Amino acid sequence: MGLDERLQELRKSRGLSQEQLAEAAGVSRQAVSKWELGESAPELEKVLALSEFFGVTTDYLLKGSSPAPAPQKKGWNREAIGQVQYVVSAGLMAVGLLTAFGRWYDLQTDSVLWSSMLIQVAGVVWYFAGKIVFRQEAPFPIKMIDWALGLFLPCAMAVGFFFARQFRAYPTGFIQVAAFAALYGAALLVVYLWLKKAK
């Protein structure tokens, strides 16, 4: 097994696309494709970065010897922190949605709805902070959860405004519920297809 096959095996074992590996290595997807086809080899600087990224030794990457993991630094690594960022973002968005439901039902005020939206916006900001700062790609299920949580209130508010000229955290009445279900379902389908295509 050569460097090309080892890179492909490592990438697939972590469920990464060539695009995701290219982003982590700071190269183009075509470069990763050429590495995996054996048409070219990564520069020494990239071999070191790949070794650290996959947690293997450079000897393993280059020669296939001893697949022992490279020494890990104590404490949190960038990958773990990046994944925590995504879980926290989904949590903030869920808290915002639940706050909108619970407090809206009790108080029936617009300020509660908008403050809940601010919590969700904080979740979105947290999501992109993880993506930009830690250069870590969120797993597909987390992306879908974030989108599902993030789209609920805007879809509900759009339907409420269209039918009753007021923003609501959830639709009321059969026609509004049906309109909301159609809008929300269509939005989720578009997001699902878009994320699958981008994968």
Protein backbone atom coordinates (compact mmCIF):
# COMPACT_ATOMS: atom_id res chain seq x y z
CA MET A 1 0.00 0.00 0.00
CA GLY A 2 1.41 3.36 -1.03
CA LEU A 3 0.92 6.88 0.24
CA ASP A 4 -1.98 7.33 -2.17
CA GLU A 5 -3.92 4.37 -0.77
CA ARG A 6 -3.10 5.24 2.84
CA LEU A 7 -4.41 8.80 2.36
CA GLN A 8 -7.60 7.52 0.78
CA GLU A 9 -8.07 4.94 3.54
CA LEU A 10 -7.52 7.51 6.29
CA ARG A 11 -9.89 9.99 4.66
CA LYS A 12 -12.65 7.43 4.19
CA SER A 13 -12.22 6.00 7.70
CA ARG A 14 -13.08 9.44 9.07
CA GLY A 15 -16.01 9.93 6.71
CA LEU A 16 -14.46 12.94 5.00
CA SER A 17 -14.96 14.03 1.41
CA GLN A 18 -12.03 15.09 -0.74
CA GLU A 19 -13.27 18.67 -0.40
CA GLN A 20 -13.18 18.47 3.40
CA LEU A 21 -9.65 17.02 3.43
CA ALA A 22 -8.53 19.65 0.92
CA GLU A 23 -9.90 22.42 3.15
CA ALA A 24 -8.14 20.97 6.20
CA ALA A 25 -4.83 20.65 4.29
CA GLY A 26 -5.15 24.06 2.64
CA VAL A 27 -5.08 22.73 -0.91
CA SER A 28 -7.55 22.26 -3.76
CA ARG A 29 -9.79 19.20 -4.12
CA GLN A 30 -7.93 18.40 -7.34
CA ALA A 31 -4.66 18.20 -5.40
CA VAL A 32 -6.17 15.66 -2.99
CA SER A 33 -7.57 13.71 -5.94
CA LYS A 34 -4.10 13.59 -7.55
CA TRP A 35 -2.55 12.45 -4.26
CA GLU A 36 -5.08 9.62 -3.96
CA LEU A 37 -4.60 8.58 -7.60
CA GLY A 38 -0.81 8.54 -7.15
CA GLU A 39 -0.37 11.22 -9.83
CA SER A 40 1.45 13.52 -7.39
CA ALA A 41 2.58 13.52 -3.76
CA PRO A 42 2.05 16.13 -1.08
CA GLU A 43 4.93 18.43 -0.17
CA LEU A 44 6.73 17.78 3.11
CA GLU A 45 4.83 20.61 4.80
CA LYS A 46 1.52 19.01 3.77
CA VAL A 47 2.68 15.55 4.90
CA LEU A 48 3.35 17.01 8.36
CA ALA A 49 -0.06 18.72 8.40
CA LEU A 50 -1.80 15.50 7.26
CA SER A 51 0.05 13.51 9.91
CA GLU A 52 -1.18 15.86 12.61
CA PHE A 53 -4.70 16.03 11.15
CA PHE A 54 -5.14 12.23 11.02
CA GLY A 55 -3.23 11.58 14.23
CA VAL A 56 -0.69 9.22 12.63
CA THR A 57 3.08 9.34 12.26
CA THR A 58 4.77 10.65 9.15
CA ASP A 59 6.48 7.25 8.89
CA TYR A 60 3.08 5.64 8.58
CA LEU A 61 1.98 8.09 5.88
CA LEU A 62 5.17 7.83 3.85
CA LYS A 63 6.28 4.25 4.43
CA GLY A 64 3.28 2.48 5.91
CA SER A 65 5.27 1.44 8.96
CA SER A 66 3.77 1.24 12.39
CA PRO A 67 0.30 2.83 12.25
CA ALA A 68 0.79 3.94 15.84
CA PRO A 69 -0.86 7.28 16.45
CA ALA A 70 1.31 10.35 16.60
CA PRO A 71 1.87 11.71 20.09
CA GLN A 72 -1.15 13.70 21.14
CA LYS A 73 -0.89 16.99 22.92
CA LYS A 74 -2.52 17.04 26.32
CA GLY A 75 -5.86 18.74 26.59
CA TRP A 76 -8.42 19.47 23.91
CA ASN A 77 -7.45 19.29 20.26
CA ARG A 78 -8.88 21.52 17.54
CA GLU A 79 -11.09 18.76 16.16
CA ALA A 80 -12.73 18.06 19.52
CA ILE A 81 -13.28 21.76 20.22
CA GLY A 82 -14.75 22.23 16.75
CA GLN A 83 -17.22 19.39 17.31
CA VAL A 84 -18.20 20.83 20.71
CA GLN A 85 -18.85 24.15 18.95
CA TYR A 86 -21.40 22.47 16.67
CA VAL A 87 -23.18 20.71 19.51
CA VAL A 88 -23.36 23.97 21.48
CA SER A 89 -24.76 25.77 18.41
CA ALA A 90 -27.54 23.18 18.08
CA GLY A 91 -28.21 23.49 21.82
CA LEU A 92 -28.55 27.28 21.64
CA MET A 93 -30.91 27.01 18.70
CA ALA A 94 -33.04 24.43 20.55
CA VAL A 95 -33.14 26.62 23.68
CA GLY A 96 -34.24 29.58 21.55
CA LEU A 97 -37.03 27.54 19.98
CA LEU A 98 -38.24 26.11 23.30
CA THR A 99 -38.12 29.57 24.90
CA ALA A 100 -40.24 30.93 22.08
CA PHE A 101 -42.82 28.19 22.62
CA GLY A 102 -42.97 28.27 26.40
CA ARG A 103 -42.74 31.98 27.06
CA TRP A 104 -44.81 32.93 24.02
CA TYR A 105 -47.64 30.72 25.20
CA ASP A 106 -47.55 32.27 28.69
CA LEU A 107 -46.94 35.92 27.83
CA GLN A 108 -48.08 36.31 24.21
CA THR A 109 -45.65 39.21 23.60
CA ASP A 110 -43.53 40.01 20.58
CA SER A 111 -40.49 40.79 22.77
CA VAL A 112 -40.39 37.14 23.92
CA LEU A 113 -40.42 35.96 20.33
CA TRP A 114 -37.64 38.31 19.29
CA SER A 115 -35.49 37.48 22.32
CA SER A 116 -35.89 33.80 21.43
CA MET A 117 -34.79 34.61 17.91
CA LEU A 118 -31.69 36.32 19.35
CA ILE A 119 -30.81 33.10 21.19
CA GLN A 120 -31.12 31.25 17.90
CA VAL A 121 -28.96 33.86 16.16
CA ALA A 122 -26.35 33.25 18.87
CA GLY A 123 -26.50 29.56 17.92
CA VAL A 124 -25.92 30.43 14.26
CA VAL A 125 -22.98 32.70 15.17
CA TRP A 126 -21.52 29.94 17.36
CA TYR A 127 -21.88 27.51 14.44
CA PHE A 128 -19.95 29.71 12.03
CA ALA A 129 -17.35 30.53 14.69
CA GLY A 130 -16.62 26.80 14.93
CA LYS A 131 -16.46 26.51 11.16
CA ILE A 132 -14.16 29.50 10.63
CA VAL A 133 -11.93 29.40 13.71
CA PHE A 134 -11.44 25.64 13.98
CA ARG A 135 -11.72 24.82 10.27
CA GLN A 136 -13.84 21.87 11.21
CA GLU A 137 -16.75 20.59 9.16
CA ALA A 138 -19.92 19.72 11.08
CA PRO A 139 -21.28 16.20 10.63
CA PHE A 140 -24.29 15.96 8.30
CA PRO A 141 -26.81 15.14 11.11
CA ILE A 142 -25.73 18.21 13.12
CA LYS A 143 -26.09 20.40 10.03
CA MET A 144 -29.63 19.10 9.45
CA ILE A 145 -30.57 19.56 13.13
CA ASP A 146 -29.25 23.14 13.08
CA TRP A 147 -31.16 23.94 9.90
CA ALA A 148 -34.36 22.28 11.20
CA LEU A 149 -34.17 24.26 14.46
CA GLY A 150 -33.19 27.47 12.71
CA LEU A 151 -35.92 27.34 10.06
CA PHE A 152 -38.83 26.61 12.40
CA LEU A 153 -39.37 30.11 13.83
CA PRO A 154 -38.85 32.02 10.54
CA CYS A 155 -41.31 29.70 8.74
CA ALA A 156 -43.86 29.99 11.57
CA MET A 157 -43.46 33.76 11.69
CA ALA A 158 -43.83 34.06 7.90
CA VAL A 159 -47.05 32.02 7.95
CA GLY A 160 -48.40 33.98 10.95
CA PHE A 161 -47.65 37.28 9.26
CA PHE A 162 -49.16 36.15 5.95
CA PHE A 163 -52.44 34.96 7.50
CA ALA A 164 -52.88 37.19 10.56
CA ARG A 165 -50.47 40.10 10.00
CA GLN A 166 -48.68 39.24 13.24
CA PHE A 167 -45.58 37.24 14.05
CA ARG A 168 -46.20 33.99 15.93
CA ALA A 169 -43.95 31.29 17.37
CA TYR A 170 -46.25 28.59 16.06
CA PRO A 171 -49.20 28.46 13.65
CA THR A 172 -52.80 28.32 14.87
CA GLY A 173 -55.76 26.89 12.99
CA PHE A 174 -55.86 24.12 10.40
CA ILE A 175 -55.07 26.27 7.34
CA GLN A 176 -52.10 27.95 9.03
CA VAL A 177 -50.76 24.62 10.27
CA ALA A 178 -51.08 23.14 6.76
CA ALA A 179 -49.37 26.17 5.20
CA PHE A 180 -46.62 26.03 7.82
CA ALA A 181 -46.10 22.27 7.27
CA ALA A 182 -45.82 22.82 3.50
CA LEU A 183 -43.39 25.75 3.84
CA TYR A 184 -41.27 24.12 6.55
CA GLY A 185 -41.19 20.77 4.74
CA ALA A 186 -40.20 22.41 1.45
CA ALA A 187 -37.46 24.43 3.17
CA LEU A 188 -36.06 21.30 4.86
CA LEU A 189 -36.13 19.38 1.58
CA VAL A 190 -34.22 22.15 -0.19
CA VAL A 191 -31.64 22.22 2.62
CA TYR A 192 -31.31 18.42 2.60
CA LEU A 193 -30.72 18.32 -1.17
CA TRP A 194 -28.30 21.24 -0.99
CA LEU A 195 -26.26 19.66 1.83
CA LYS A 196 -26.18 16.28 0.05
CA LYS A 197 -24.98 17.93 -3.15
CA ALA A 198 -22.31 19.90 -1.30
CA LYS A 199 -21.06 16.76 0.44
